[in-house]
Amino acid sequence: MWVFLVTEIMFFGGLFMVYTVARAMHPAGFAQASRHLDVTLGGTNTAVLISSSLTMALAVYASQVGRRRMLAGFLALTIALGCVFLVIKAIEYADKFHHHLVPGSAFSFAGPEARPAELFFSLYFAMTGLHALHMIIGVGVVAVLLVKAWRGRYTIEYHTPVEISGLYWHFVDIIWIFLFPLLYLIGLKR
């Protein structure tokens, strides 16, 4: 699992590097484009994911001490919070489509920073879209864990899949902790 997580870190690390270089080249355009993101929704999603990290950590603990009902409950809460995150992200995406902020032929951004803004939104959709894909995978994995937990598959002696899945879940949450300020907070007025 650690090797997989390192490859994921390198993958997202490459995206963060592209973002850093592009932002350094177009600071005003990126800041202006960032103002079109909903900080409240992004902040809510941050709180949701931090909460889901707690529920996943508690699920891991429950698996370690052999508390099957507690394990299932915290896995279910983790799934629910993951789904809340994805619904909020879908609402944000719908808003971007509605306001023609999706890069491509229909992209519409007023002002001299239109090209850098399109680059910003290209990176926004690439980075948050890949993060959302990882969230969908995580929700699916945790759903499988939930079914197996209800069937009594995990014991004090055997709970490795829960721990490994917890590592993945926390990794995806940490990626969001980096995405949120880079994308949502750079355009805030000081």
C-alpha atoms as a PDB file:
ATOM      1  CA  MET A   1       0.000   0.000   0.000  1.00  0.00           C
ATOM      2  CA  TRP A   2       2.838   2.376   0.792  1.00  0.00           C
ATOM      3  CA  VAL A   3       4.270   1.999  -2.720  1.00  0.00           C
ATOM      4  CA  PHE A   4       0.844   2.728  -4.184  1.00  0.00           C
ATOM      5  CA  LEU A   5       0.479   5.827  -2.005  1.00  0.00           C
ATOM      6  CA  VAL A   6       3.930   7.047  -3.058  1.00  0.00           C
ATOM      7  CA  THR A   7       2.936   6.731  -6.733  1.00  0.00           C
ATOM      8  CA  GLU A   8      -0.250   8.663  -5.989  1.00  0.00           C
ATOM      9  CA  ILE A   9       1.771  11.356  -4.217  1.00  0.00           C
ATOM     10  CA  MET A  10       4.037  11.637  -7.262  1.00  0.00           C
ATOM     11  CA  PHE A  11       1.000  11.836  -9.558  1.00  0.00           C
ATOM     12  CA  PHE A  12      -0.677  14.609  -7.589  1.00  0.00           C
ATOM     13  CA  GLY A  13       2.732  16.174  -6.962  1.00  0.00           C
ATOM     14  CA  GLY A  14       3.148  16.615 -10.715  1.00  0.00           C
ATOM     15  CA  LEU A  15      -0.209  18.367 -10.907  1.00  0.00           C
ATOM     16  CA  PHE A  16       0.737  20.612  -7.994  1.00  0.00           C
ATOM     17  CA  MET A  17       3.993  21.512  -9.769  1.00  0.00           C
ATOM     18  CA  VAL A  18       2.152  22.411 -12.993  1.00  0.00           C
ATOM     19  CA  TYR A  19      -0.251  24.522 -10.941  1.00  0.00           C
ATOM     20  CA  THR A  20       2.626  26.259  -9.126  1.00  0.00           C
ATOM     21  CA  VAL A  21       4.430  27.174 -12.347  1.00  0.00           C
ATOM     22  CA  ALA A  22       1.221  28.341 -14.062  1.00  0.00           C
ATOM     23  CA  ARG A  23       0.214  30.422 -11.055  1.00  0.00           C
ATOM     24  CA  ALA A  24       3.686  31.987 -10.873  1.00  0.00           C
ATOM     25  CA  MET A  25       3.341  32.970 -14.534  1.00  0.00           C
ATOM     26  CA  HIS A  26      -0.213  34.346 -14.153  1.00  0.00           C
ATOM     27  CA  PRO A  27      -0.790  35.416 -10.522  1.00  0.00           C
ATOM     28  CA  ALA A  28      -3.429  38.045 -11.318  1.00  0.00           C
ATOM     29  CA  GLY A  29      -5.377  35.774 -13.660  1.00  0.00           C
ATOM     30  CA  PHE A  30      -5.375  32.900 -11.178  1.00  0.00           C
ATOM     31  CA  ALA A  31      -6.483  35.175  -8.333  1.00  0.00           C
ATOM     32  CA  GLN A  32      -9.264  36.652 -10.452  1.00  0.00           C
ATOM     33  CA  ALA A  33     -10.457  33.210 -11.573  1.00  0.00           C
ATOM     34  CA  SER A  34     -10.324  31.874  -8.014  1.00  0.00           C
ATOM     35  CA  ARG A  35     -12.866  34.501  -6.976  1.00  0.00           C
ATOM     36  CA  HIS A  36     -15.430  32.562  -9.031  1.00  0.00           C
ATOM     37  CA  LEU A  37     -15.134  29.578  -6.694  1.00  0.00           C
ATOM     38  CA  ASP A  38     -17.486  29.304  -3.742  1.00  0.00           C
ATOM     39  CA  VAL A  39     -15.289  29.462  -0.632  1.00  0.00           C
ATOM     40  CA  THR A  40     -18.250  28.492   1.558  1.00  0.00           C
ATOM     41  CA  LEU A  41     -18.866  25.278  -0.379  1.00  0.00           C
ATOM     42  CA  GLY A  42     -15.140  24.545  -0.508  1.00  0.00           C
ATOM     43  CA  GLY A  43     -14.831  25.186   3.226  1.00  0.00           C
ATOM     44  CA  THR A  44     -17.852  23.014   3.928  1.00  0.00           C
ATOM     45  CA  ASN A  45     -16.281  20.232   1.888  1.00  0.00           C
ATOM     46  CA  THR A  46     -13.079  20.649   3.884  1.00  0.00           C
ATOM     47  CA  ALA A  47     -15.004  20.234   7.147  1.00  0.00           C
ATOM     48  CA  VAL A  48     -16.850  17.232   5.705  1.00  0.00           C
ATOM     49  CA  LEU A  49     -13.596  15.523   4.735  1.00  0.00           C
ATOM     50  CA  ILE A  50     -11.913  16.257   8.061  1.00  0.00           C
ATOM     51  CA  SER A  51     -14.970  14.741   9.750  1.00  0.00           C
ATOM     52  CA  SER A  52     -14.738  11.718   7.463  1.00  0.00           C
ATOM     53  CA  SER A  53     -11.105  11.260   8.476  1.00  0.00           C
ATOM     54  CA  LEU A  54     -12.257  11.122  12.087  1.00  0.00           C
ATOM     55  CA  THR A  55     -14.972   8.562  11.330  1.00  0.00           C
ATOM     56  CA  MET A  56     -12.499   6.453   9.334  1.00  0.00           C
ATOM     57  CA  ALA A  57      -9.952   6.596  12.170  1.00  0.00           C
ATOM     58  CA  LEU A  58     -12.675   5.521  14.597  1.00  0.00           C
ATOM     59  CA  ALA A  59     -13.616   2.679  12.235  1.00  0.00           C
ATOM     60  CA  VAL A  60     -10.005   1.502  12.235  1.00  0.00           C
ATOM     61  CA  TYR A  61      -9.978   1.662  16.037  1.00  0.00           C
ATOM     62  CA  ALA A  62     -13.251  -0.286  16.225  1.00  0.00           C
ATOM     63  CA  SER A  63     -11.773  -2.984  13.989  1.00  0.00           C
ATOM     64  CA  GLN A  64      -8.670  -3.208  16.199  1.00  0.00           C
ATOM     65  CA  VAL A  65     -10.715  -3.758  19.355  1.00  0.00           C
ATOM     66  CA  GLY A  66     -13.236  -6.103  17.714  1.00  0.00           C
ATOM     67  CA  ARG A  67     -16.341  -3.910  17.965  1.00  0.00           C
ATOM     68  CA  ARG A  68     -18.277  -4.967  14.879  1.00  0.00           C
ATOM     69  CA  ARG A  69     -21.324  -2.703  15.279  1.00  0.00           C
ATOM     70  CA  MET A  70     -19.146   0.300  16.031  1.00  0.00           C
ATOM     71  CA  LEU A  71     -16.993  -0.542  13.004  1.00  0.00           C
ATOM     72  CA  ALA A  72     -20.033  -0.780  10.740  1.00  0.00           C
ATOM     73  CA  GLY A  73     -21.468   2.462  12.103  1.00  0.00           C
ATOM     74  CA  PHE A  74     -18.303   4.446  11.522  1.00  0.00           C
ATOM     75  CA  LEU A  75     -17.826   2.936   8.071  1.00  0.00           C
ATOM     76  CA  ALA A  76     -21.409   3.950   7.210  1.00  0.00           C
ATOM     77  CA  LEU A  77     -20.748   7.482   8.482  1.00  0.00           C
ATOM     78  CA  THR A  78     -17.569   7.640   6.408  1.00  0.00           C
ATOM     79  CA  ILE A  79     -19.512   6.612   3.299  1.00  0.00           C
ATOM     80  CA  ALA A  80     -22.222   9.186   4.046  1.00  0.00           C
ATOM     81  CA  LEU A  81     -19.671  11.977   4.483  1.00  0.00           C
ATOM     82  CA  GLY A  82     -17.891  10.933   1.292  1.00  0.00           C
ATOM     83  CA  CYS A  83     -21.199  11.128  -0.561  1.00  0.00           C
ATOM     84  CA  VAL A  84     -21.940  14.558   0.942  1.00  0.00           C
ATOM     85  CA  PHE A  85     -18.567  15.745  -0.341  1.00  0.00           C
ATOM     86  CA  LEU A  86     -19.333  14.424  -3.837  1.00  0.00           C
ATOM     87  CA  VAL A  87     -22.798  16.025  -3.913  1.00  0.00           C
ATOM     88  CA  ILE A  88     -21.344  19.403  -2.934  1.00  0.00           C
ATOM     89  CA  LYS A  89     -18.655  19.012  -5.598  1.00  0.00           C
ATOM     90  CA  ALA A  90     -21.363  18.187  -8.174  1.00  0.00           C
ATOM     91  CA  ILE A  91     -23.230  21.364  -7.176  1.00  0.00           C
ATOM     92  CA  GLU A  92     -20.036  23.358  -7.692  1.00  0.00           C
ATOM     93  CA  TYR A  93     -19.433  21.767 -11.086  1.00  0.00           C
ATOM     94  CA  ALA A  94     -23.007  22.504 -12.164  1.00  0.00           C
ATOM     95  CA  ASP A  95     -22.494  26.145 -11.212  1.00  0.00           C
ATOM     96  CA  LYS A  96     -19.312  26.319 -13.307  1.00  0.00           C
ATOM     97  CA  PHE A  97     -21.142  24.813 -16.295  1.00  0.00           C
ATOM     98  CA  HIS A  98     -24.013  27.263 -15.825  1.00  0.00           C
ATOM     99  CA  HIS A  99     -21.625  30.233 -15.807  1.00  0.00           C
ATOM    100  CA  HIS A 100     -19.585  28.943 -18.778  1.00  0.00           C
ATOM    101  CA  LEU A 101     -16.429  28.509 -16.716  1.00  0.00           C
ATOM    102  CA  VAL A 102     -15.623  25.096 -18.152  1.00  0.00           C
ATOM    103  CA  PRO A 103     -12.584  25.313 -20.455  1.00  0.00           C
ATOM    104  CA  GLY A 104     -13.372  24.804 -24.101  1.00  0.00           C
ATOM    105  CA  SER A 105     -15.283  26.528 -26.858  1.00  0.00           C
ATOM    106  CA  ALA A 106     -18.072  27.723 -24.527  1.00  0.00           C
ATOM    107  CA  PHE A 107     -15.672  29.205 -21.945  1.00  0.00           C
ATOM    108  CA  SER A 108     -16.614  32.775 -21.086  1.00  0.00           C
ATOM    109  CA  PHE A 109     -14.613  34.989 -18.753  1.00  0.00           C
ATOM    110  CA  ALA A 110     -14.780  38.767 -18.895  1.00  0.00           C
ATOM    111  CA  GLY A 111     -11.634  40.832 -18.707  1.00  0.00           C
ATOM    112  CA  PRO A 112      -8.042  40.790 -19.842  1.00  0.00           C
ATOM    113  CA  GLU A 113      -7.233  37.696 -17.778  1.00  0.00           C
ATOM    114  CA  ALA A 114      -9.457  35.330 -19.795  1.00  0.00           C
ATOM    115  CA  ARG A 115      -6.632  33.050 -21.016  1.00  0.00           C
ATOM    116  CA  PRO A 116      -5.009  32.639 -17.576  1.00  0.00           C
ATOM    117  CA  ALA A 117      -8.493  32.118 -16.110  1.00  0.00           C
ATOM    118  CA  GLU A 118      -9.135  29.323 -18.595  1.00  0.00           C
ATOM    119  CA  LEU A 119      -5.823  27.754 -17.584  1.00  0.00           C
ATOM    120  CA  PHE A 120      -6.835  28.066 -13.923  1.00  0.00           C
ATOM    121  CA  PHE A 121     -10.160  26.340 -14.571  1.00  0.00           C
ATOM    122  CA  SER A 122      -8.449  23.638 -16.628  1.00  0.00           C
ATOM    123  CA  LEU A 123      -6.267  22.868 -13.633  1.00  0.00           C
ATOM    124  CA  TYR A 124      -9.217  23.244 -11.253  1.00  0.00           C
ATOM    125  CA  PHE A 125     -11.256  20.644 -13.122  1.00  0.00           C
ATOM    126  CA  ALA A 126      -8.282  18.318 -13.639  1.00  0.00           C
ATOM    127  CA  MET A 127      -7.212  18.412  -9.998  1.00  0.00           C
ATOM    128  CA  THR A 128     -10.631  18.366  -8.351  1.00  0.00           C
ATOM    129  CA  GLY A 129     -11.949  15.874 -10.903  1.00  0.00           C
ATOM    130  CA  LEU A 130      -9.138  13.432 -10.187  1.00  0.00           C
ATOM    131  CA  HIS A 131      -9.634  13.992  -6.487  1.00  0.00           C
ATOM    132  CA  ALA A 132     -13.366  13.289  -6.887  1.00  0.00           C
ATOM    133  CA  LEU A 133     -12.532  10.087  -8.788  1.00  0.00           C
ATOM    134  CA  HIS A 134     -10.334   9.019  -5.879  1.00  0.00           C
ATOM    135  CA  MET A 135     -13.210   9.842  -3.509  1.00  0.00           C
ATOM    136  CA  ILE A 136     -15.611   7.691  -5.547  1.00  0.00           C
ATOM    137  CA  ILE A 137     -13.132   4.814  -5.404  1.00  0.00           C
ATOM    138  CA  GLY A 138     -12.720   5.374  -1.665  1.00  0.00           C
ATOM    139  CA  VAL A 139     -16.476   5.342  -1.059  1.00  0.00           C
ATOM    140  CA  GLY A 140     -16.708   2.096  -3.042  1.00  0.00           C
ATOM    141  CA  VAL A 141     -13.896   0.482  -1.058  1.00  0.00           C
ATOM    142  CA  VAL A 142     -15.415   1.558   2.256  1.00  0.00           C
ATOM    143  CA  ALA A 143     -18.801   0.187   1.102  1.00  0.00           C
ATOM    144  CA  VAL A 144     -17.173  -3.208   0.508  1.00  0.00           C
ATOM    145  CA  LEU A 145     -15.602  -2.990   3.974  1.00  0.00           C
ATOM    146  CA  LEU A 146     -19.029  -2.216   5.443  1.00  0.00           C
ATOM    147  CA  VAL A 147     -20.607  -5.311   3.880  1.00  0.00           C
ATOM    148  CA  LYS A 148     -17.757  -7.490   5.115  1.00  0.00           C
ATOM    149  CA  ALA A 149     -17.909  -5.891   8.568  1.00  0.00           C
ATOM    150  CA  TRP A 150     -21.611  -6.738   8.850  1.00  0.00           C
ATOM    151  CA  ARG A 151     -20.777 -10.311   7.919  1.00  0.00           C
ATOM    152  CA  GLY A 152     -18.242 -10.480  10.744  1.00  0.00           C
ATOM    153  CA  ARG A 153     -15.216 -10.742   8.485  1.00  0.00           C
ATOM    154  CA  TYR A 154     -12.996  -8.504  10.629  1.00  0.00           C
ATOM    155  CA  THR A 155     -11.747  -9.501  14.054  1.00  0.00           C
ATOM    156  CA  ILE A 156      -9.181  -8.313  16.554  1.00  0.00           C
ATOM    157  CA  GLU A 157      -6.731 -10.658  14.837  1.00  0.00           C
ATOM    158  CA  TYR A 158      -7.666  -9.737  11.247  1.00  0.00           C
ATOM    159  CA  HIS A 159      -8.509  -6.157  10.339  1.00  0.00           C
ATOM    160  CA  THR A 160      -5.720  -5.292   7.894  1.00  0.00           C
ATOM    161  CA  PRO A 161      -8.072  -4.306   5.022  1.00  0.00           C
ATOM    162  CA  VAL A 162      -9.702  -1.693   7.259  1.00  0.00           C
ATOM    163  CA  GLU A 163      -6.316  -0.232   8.199  1.00  0.00           C
ATOM    164  CA  ILE A 164      -5.097  -0.189   4.590  1.00  0.00           C
ATOM    165  CA  SER A 165      -8.308   1.432   3.394  1.00  0.00           C
ATOM    166  CA  GLY A 166      -7.954   3.975   6.182  1.00  0.00           C
ATOM    167  CA  LEU A 167      -4.528   4.931   4.845  1.00  0.00           C
ATOM    168  CA  TYR A 168      -6.022   5.493   1.390  1.00  0.00           C
ATOM    169  CA  TRP A 169      -8.934   7.506   2.789  1.00  0.00           C
ATOM    170  CA  HIS A 170      -6.629   9.763   4.789  1.00  0.00           C
ATOM    171  CA  PHE A 171      -4.394  10.245   1.757  1.00  0.00           C
ATOM    172  CA  VAL A 172      -7.347  11.447  -0.327  1.00  0.00           C
ATOM    173  CA  ASP A 173      -8.384  13.779   2.492  1.00  0.00           C
ATOM    174  CA  ILE A 174      -4.872  15.220   2.743  1.00  0.00           C
ATOM    175  CA  ILE A 175      -4.854  15.921  -0.998  1.00  0.00           C
ATOM    176  CA  TRP A 176      -7.994  18.033  -0.495  1.00  0.00           C
ATOM    177  CA  ILE A 177      -6.318  19.890   2.383  1.00  0.00           C
ATOM    178  CA  PHE A 178      -3.741  21.055  -0.185  1.00  0.00           C
ATOM    179  CA  LEU A 179      -6.259  21.679  -2.991  1.00  0.00           C
ATOM    180  CA  PHE A 180      -8.589  23.866  -0.949  1.00  0.00           C
ATOM    181  CA  PRO A 181      -6.193  26.756  -0.203  1.00  0.00           C
ATOM    182  CA  LEU A 182      -4.433  26.548  -3.560  1.00  0.00           C
ATOM    183  CA  LEU A 183      -7.659  26.818  -5.521  1.00  0.00           C
ATOM    184  CA  TYR A 184     -10.193  28.552  -3.298  1.00  0.00           C
ATOM    185  CA  LEU A 185      -8.246  30.968  -1.122  1.00  0.00           C
ATOM    186  CA  ILE A 186      -5.778  32.602  -3.524  1.00  0.00           C
ATOM    187  CA  GLY A 187      -8.317  35.103  -4.792  1.00  0.00           C
ATOM    188  CA  LEU A 188      -9.501  36.372  -1.425  1.00  0.00           C
ATOM    189  CA  LYS A 189      -9.117  40.092  -0.933  1.00  0.00           C
ATOM    190  CA  ARG A 190      -6.673  40.987   1.813  1.00  0.00           C
END
